[in-house]
N, C-alpha and C. Protein backbone atom coordinates (compact mmCIF):
# COMPACT_ATOMS: atom_id res chain seq x y z
N MET A 1 -20.91 7.76 17.39
CA MET A 1 -20.78 7.97 15.96
C MET A 1 -19.93 6.85 15.37
N ASN A 2 -20.49 6.10 14.43
CA ASN A 2 -19.76 5.03 13.77
C ASN A 2 -18.87 5.61 12.69
N ARG A 3 -17.64 5.14 12.67
CA ARG A 3 -16.72 5.59 11.64
C ARG A 3 -16.76 4.62 10.48
N HIS A 4 -16.72 5.15 9.30
CA HIS A 4 -16.73 4.32 8.10
C HIS A 4 -15.39 3.62 7.96
N PRO A 5 -15.36 2.38 7.46
CA PRO A 5 -14.10 1.64 7.30
C PRO A 5 -13.11 2.32 6.35
N ALA A 6 -13.55 3.27 5.56
CA ALA A 6 -12.64 3.96 4.64
C ALA A 6 -11.75 4.96 5.38
N ILE A 7 -12.16 5.41 6.55
CA ILE A 7 -11.40 6.44 7.27
C ILE A 7 -9.95 6.00 7.53
N PRO A 8 -9.69 4.78 8.01
CA PRO A 8 -8.29 4.37 8.19
C PRO A 8 -7.50 4.39 6.87
N LEU A 9 -8.15 4.10 5.75
CA LEU A 9 -7.45 4.14 4.47
C LEU A 9 -6.96 5.54 4.15
N PHE A 10 -7.74 6.55 4.51
CA PHE A 10 -7.30 7.93 4.28
C PHE A 10 -6.04 8.22 5.09
N ARG A 11 -6.00 7.72 6.32
CA ARG A 11 -4.81 7.92 7.15
C ARG A 11 -3.61 7.16 6.61
N ILE A 12 -3.85 5.92 6.21
CA ILE A 12 -2.77 5.08 5.70
C ILE A 12 -2.18 5.67 4.42
N LEU A 13 -3.05 6.00 3.48
CA LEU A 13 -2.58 6.54 2.20
C LEU A 13 -2.31 8.04 2.26
N GLY A 14 -2.58 8.65 3.40
CA GLY A 14 -2.32 10.07 3.57
C GLY A 14 -0.86 10.38 3.84
N VAL A 15 -0.06 9.37 4.08
CA VAL A 15 1.38 9.55 4.27
C VAL A 15 1.99 9.59 2.86
N PRO A 16 2.57 10.72 2.46
CA PRO A 16 3.02 10.88 1.07
C PRO A 16 3.92 9.77 0.53
N VAL A 17 4.92 9.37 1.29
CA VAL A 17 5.82 8.32 0.81
C VAL A 17 5.07 7.00 0.68
N ARG A 18 4.19 6.70 1.63
CA ARG A 18 3.44 5.45 1.57
C ARG A 18 2.51 5.44 0.36
N LEU A 19 1.92 6.57 0.05
CA LEU A 19 1.06 6.66 -1.13
C LEU A 19 1.86 6.40 -2.39
N VAL A 20 3.06 6.95 -2.47
CA VAL A 20 3.92 6.73 -3.65
C VAL A 20 4.30 5.25 -3.74
N VAL A 21 4.63 4.64 -2.60
CA VAL A 21 4.97 3.21 -2.60
C VAL A 21 3.78 2.41 -3.11
N PHE A 22 2.59 2.71 -2.61
CA PHE A 22 1.40 1.99 -3.06
C PHE A 22 1.16 2.20 -4.56
N GLN A 23 1.30 3.42 -5.02
CA GLN A 23 1.09 3.71 -6.45
C GLN A 23 2.08 2.95 -7.32
N ARG A 24 3.34 2.89 -6.88
CA ARG A 24 4.36 2.15 -7.67
C ARG A 24 4.03 0.67 -7.73
N VAL A 25 3.65 0.10 -6.59
CA VAL A 25 3.34 -1.33 -6.53
C VAL A 25 2.05 -1.62 -7.31
N ALA A 26 1.13 -0.65 -7.32
CA ALA A 26 -0.11 -0.84 -8.08
C ALA A 26 0.16 -0.86 -9.58
N ARG A 27 1.15 -0.08 -10.01
CA ARG A 27 1.50 -0.06 -11.44
C ARG A 27 2.24 -1.31 -11.87
N ARG A 28 3.17 -1.75 -11.00
CA ARG A 28 3.91 -2.98 -11.30
C ARG A 28 4.45 -3.56 -10.01
N PRO A 29 4.29 -4.87 -9.83
CA PRO A 29 4.83 -5.53 -8.63
C PRO A 29 6.32 -5.22 -8.48
N SER A 30 6.76 -5.11 -7.23
CA SER A 30 8.14 -4.70 -6.99
C SER A 30 8.63 -5.23 -5.64
N THR A 31 9.93 -5.20 -5.47
CA THR A 31 10.54 -5.57 -4.19
C THR A 31 10.86 -4.29 -3.42
N ALA A 32 11.10 -4.44 -2.12
CA ALA A 32 11.47 -3.30 -1.29
C ALA A 32 12.80 -2.71 -1.77
N SER A 33 13.72 -3.55 -2.18
CA SER A 33 15.02 -3.07 -2.64
C SER A 33 14.90 -2.22 -3.90
N LEU A 34 14.09 -2.68 -4.84
CA LEU A 34 13.89 -1.92 -6.07
C LEU A 34 13.21 -0.58 -5.78
N LEU A 35 12.22 -0.60 -4.91
CA LEU A 35 11.53 0.65 -4.54
C LEU A 35 12.50 1.62 -3.87
N ALA A 36 13.39 1.10 -3.02
CA ALA A 36 14.37 1.95 -2.34
C ALA A 36 15.34 2.57 -3.34
N LYS A 37 15.65 1.88 -4.42
CA LYS A 37 16.53 2.45 -5.45
C LYS A 37 15.82 3.55 -6.23
N GLU A 38 14.51 3.43 -6.38
CA GLU A 38 13.73 4.39 -7.16
C GLU A 38 13.32 5.61 -6.35
N LEU A 39 13.26 5.48 -5.03
CA LEU A 39 12.76 6.56 -4.18
C LEU A 39 13.85 7.03 -3.23
N PRO A 40 13.77 8.28 -2.78
CA PRO A 40 14.79 8.80 -1.85
C PRO A 40 14.49 8.40 -0.40
N VAL A 41 14.27 7.10 -0.21
CA VAL A 41 13.91 6.56 1.11
C VAL A 41 14.72 5.28 1.32
N SER A 42 15.10 5.02 2.55
CA SER A 42 15.88 3.81 2.83
C SER A 42 15.04 2.55 2.63
N ARG A 43 15.74 1.44 2.43
CA ARG A 43 15.05 0.17 2.26
C ARG A 43 14.25 -0.18 3.51
N SER A 44 14.81 0.08 4.69
CA SER A 44 14.09 -0.26 5.93
C SER A 44 12.81 0.57 6.06
N ALA A 45 12.83 1.82 5.62
CA ALA A 45 11.62 2.65 5.65
C ALA A 45 10.58 2.10 4.66
N ILE A 46 11.05 1.67 3.50
CA ILE A 46 10.14 1.08 2.50
C ILE A 46 9.48 -0.16 3.08
N VAL A 47 10.27 -1.00 3.74
CA VAL A 47 9.74 -2.23 4.34
C VAL A 47 8.67 -1.88 5.38
N GLN A 48 8.90 -0.85 6.18
CA GLN A 48 7.91 -0.44 7.17
C GLN A 48 6.62 0.01 6.50
N HIS A 49 6.73 0.78 5.42
CA HIS A 49 5.53 1.22 4.71
C HIS A 49 4.80 0.03 4.08
N LEU A 50 5.54 -0.89 3.51
CA LEU A 50 4.92 -2.08 2.92
C LEU A 50 4.23 -2.92 4.00
N THR A 51 4.80 -2.97 5.19
CA THR A 51 4.20 -3.71 6.29
C THR A 51 2.85 -3.11 6.67
N VAL A 52 2.78 -1.79 6.74
CA VAL A 52 1.51 -1.12 7.06
C VAL A 52 0.50 -1.39 5.94
N LEU A 53 0.93 -1.26 4.70
CA LEU A 53 0.03 -1.51 3.57
C LEU A 53 -0.46 -2.96 3.58
N ARG A 54 0.43 -3.87 3.90
CA ARG A 54 0.06 -5.29 3.95
C ARG A 54 -0.93 -5.56 5.08
N ARG A 55 -0.67 -4.99 6.23
CA ARG A 55 -1.55 -5.19 7.40
C ARG A 55 -2.98 -4.74 7.12
N HIS A 56 -3.13 -3.76 6.25
CA HIS A 56 -4.46 -3.23 5.94
C HIS A 56 -5.01 -3.76 4.62
N GLY A 57 -4.38 -4.80 4.08
CA GLY A 57 -4.90 -5.48 2.91
C GLY A 57 -4.73 -4.74 1.60
N LEU A 58 -3.79 -3.80 1.55
CA LEU A 58 -3.58 -3.03 0.33
C LEU A 58 -2.52 -3.64 -0.58
N VAL A 59 -1.60 -4.41 -0.02
CA VAL A 59 -0.60 -5.13 -0.82
C VAL A 59 -0.45 -6.53 -0.26
N GLU A 60 0.07 -7.41 -1.08
CA GLU A 60 0.41 -8.74 -0.58
C GLU A 60 1.71 -9.18 -1.24
N PRO A 61 2.53 -9.88 -0.46
CA PRO A 61 3.81 -10.34 -0.98
C PRO A 61 3.72 -11.74 -1.60
N ARG A 62 4.61 -11.97 -2.51
CA ARG A 62 4.79 -13.30 -3.11
C ARG A 62 6.28 -13.57 -3.04
N THR A 63 6.65 -14.70 -2.48
CA THR A 63 8.06 -15.03 -2.39
C THR A 63 8.51 -15.72 -3.66
N GLU A 64 9.58 -15.19 -4.21
CA GLU A 64 10.17 -15.74 -5.43
C GLU A 64 11.67 -15.84 -5.20
N GLY A 65 12.14 -17.05 -4.91
CA GLY A 65 13.55 -17.22 -4.55
C GLY A 65 13.80 -16.52 -3.22
N ARG A 66 14.77 -15.62 -3.23
CA ARG A 66 15.09 -14.85 -2.02
C ARG A 66 14.32 -13.54 -1.95
N ASP A 67 13.60 -13.21 -3.00
CA ASP A 67 12.90 -11.93 -3.07
C ASP A 67 11.45 -12.04 -2.62
N ARG A 68 10.98 -10.98 -2.03
CA ARG A 68 9.57 -10.85 -1.69
C ARG A 68 9.02 -9.75 -2.60
N ILE A 69 8.16 -10.15 -3.50
CA ILE A 69 7.61 -9.23 -4.49
C ILE A 69 6.21 -8.82 -4.05
N TYR A 70 6.01 -7.51 -3.94
CA TYR A 70 4.73 -6.98 -3.48
C TYR A 70 3.89 -6.54 -4.67
N ARG A 71 2.58 -6.79 -4.55
CA ARG A 71 1.63 -6.32 -5.56
C ARG A 71 0.43 -5.74 -4.83
N ALA A 72 -0.24 -4.81 -5.48
CA ALA A 72 -1.43 -4.20 -4.89
C ALA A 72 -2.58 -5.18 -4.94
N THR A 73 -3.43 -5.10 -3.96
CA THR A 73 -4.62 -5.95 -3.92
C THR A 73 -5.86 -5.05 -3.96
N PRO A 74 -6.64 -5.15 -5.01
CA PRO A 74 -7.80 -4.28 -5.17
C PRO A 74 -8.81 -4.39 -4.03
N ARG A 75 -8.94 -5.55 -3.42
CA ARG A 75 -9.94 -5.70 -2.35
C ARG A 75 -9.64 -4.79 -1.17
N GLY A 76 -8.39 -4.41 -1.01
CA GLY A 76 -8.03 -3.51 0.09
C GLY A 76 -8.64 -2.13 -0.06
N LEU A 77 -8.97 -1.76 -1.29
CA LEU A 77 -9.57 -0.45 -1.55
C LEU A 77 -11.10 -0.48 -1.52
N ALA A 78 -11.69 -1.63 -1.28
CA ALA A 78 -13.15 -1.77 -1.28
C ALA A 78 -13.84 -0.77 -0.34
N PRO A 79 -13.37 -0.57 0.89
CA PRO A 79 -14.04 0.41 1.75
C PRO A 79 -14.01 1.82 1.16
N LEU A 80 -12.93 2.16 0.49
CA LEU A 80 -12.83 3.48 -0.13
C LEU A 80 -13.81 3.61 -1.29
N ARG A 81 -13.90 2.55 -2.11
CA ARG A 81 -14.87 2.56 -3.22
C ARG A 81 -16.30 2.71 -2.69
N GLU A 82 -16.60 1.98 -1.63
CA GLU A 82 -17.95 2.06 -1.03
C GLU A 82 -18.22 3.48 -0.50
N TRP A 83 -17.22 4.07 0.13
CA TRP A 83 -17.37 5.41 0.65
C TRP A 83 -17.62 6.40 -0.48
N LEU A 84 -16.86 6.28 -1.55
CA LEU A 84 -17.03 7.17 -2.70
C LEU A 84 -18.41 7.02 -3.34
N GLU A 85 -18.90 5.80 -3.42
CA GLU A 85 -20.24 5.58 -3.96
C GLU A 85 -21.29 6.23 -3.07
N ARG A 86 -21.05 6.16 -1.78
CA ARG A 86 -22.03 6.70 -0.84
C ARG A 86 -22.02 8.24 -0.80
N TYR A 87 -20.81 8.82 -0.84
CA TYR A 87 -20.69 10.26 -0.70
C TYR A 87 -20.25 10.97 -1.97
N GLY A 88 -19.79 10.21 -2.94
CA GLY A 88 -19.27 10.81 -4.17
C GLY A 88 -20.35 11.37 -5.01
């Protein structure tokens, strides 16, 4: 049985804190430090969630001075869009 590429996205975004991190970054680019101030999660945990999101093409960082600013990348959601079109 072949698994659709959207299945890993459900697992990745199925982690509540990670979904909130993704939603915040999708609304406005942000740093891990700023996200940690806004959420009841440590900065190191935020960095781990951003790393997972980055590895799966959902966010990408841009270095600005000493800061790494993350923004959402729409292409990372392409498998989910395709799945929704197929089964939605």
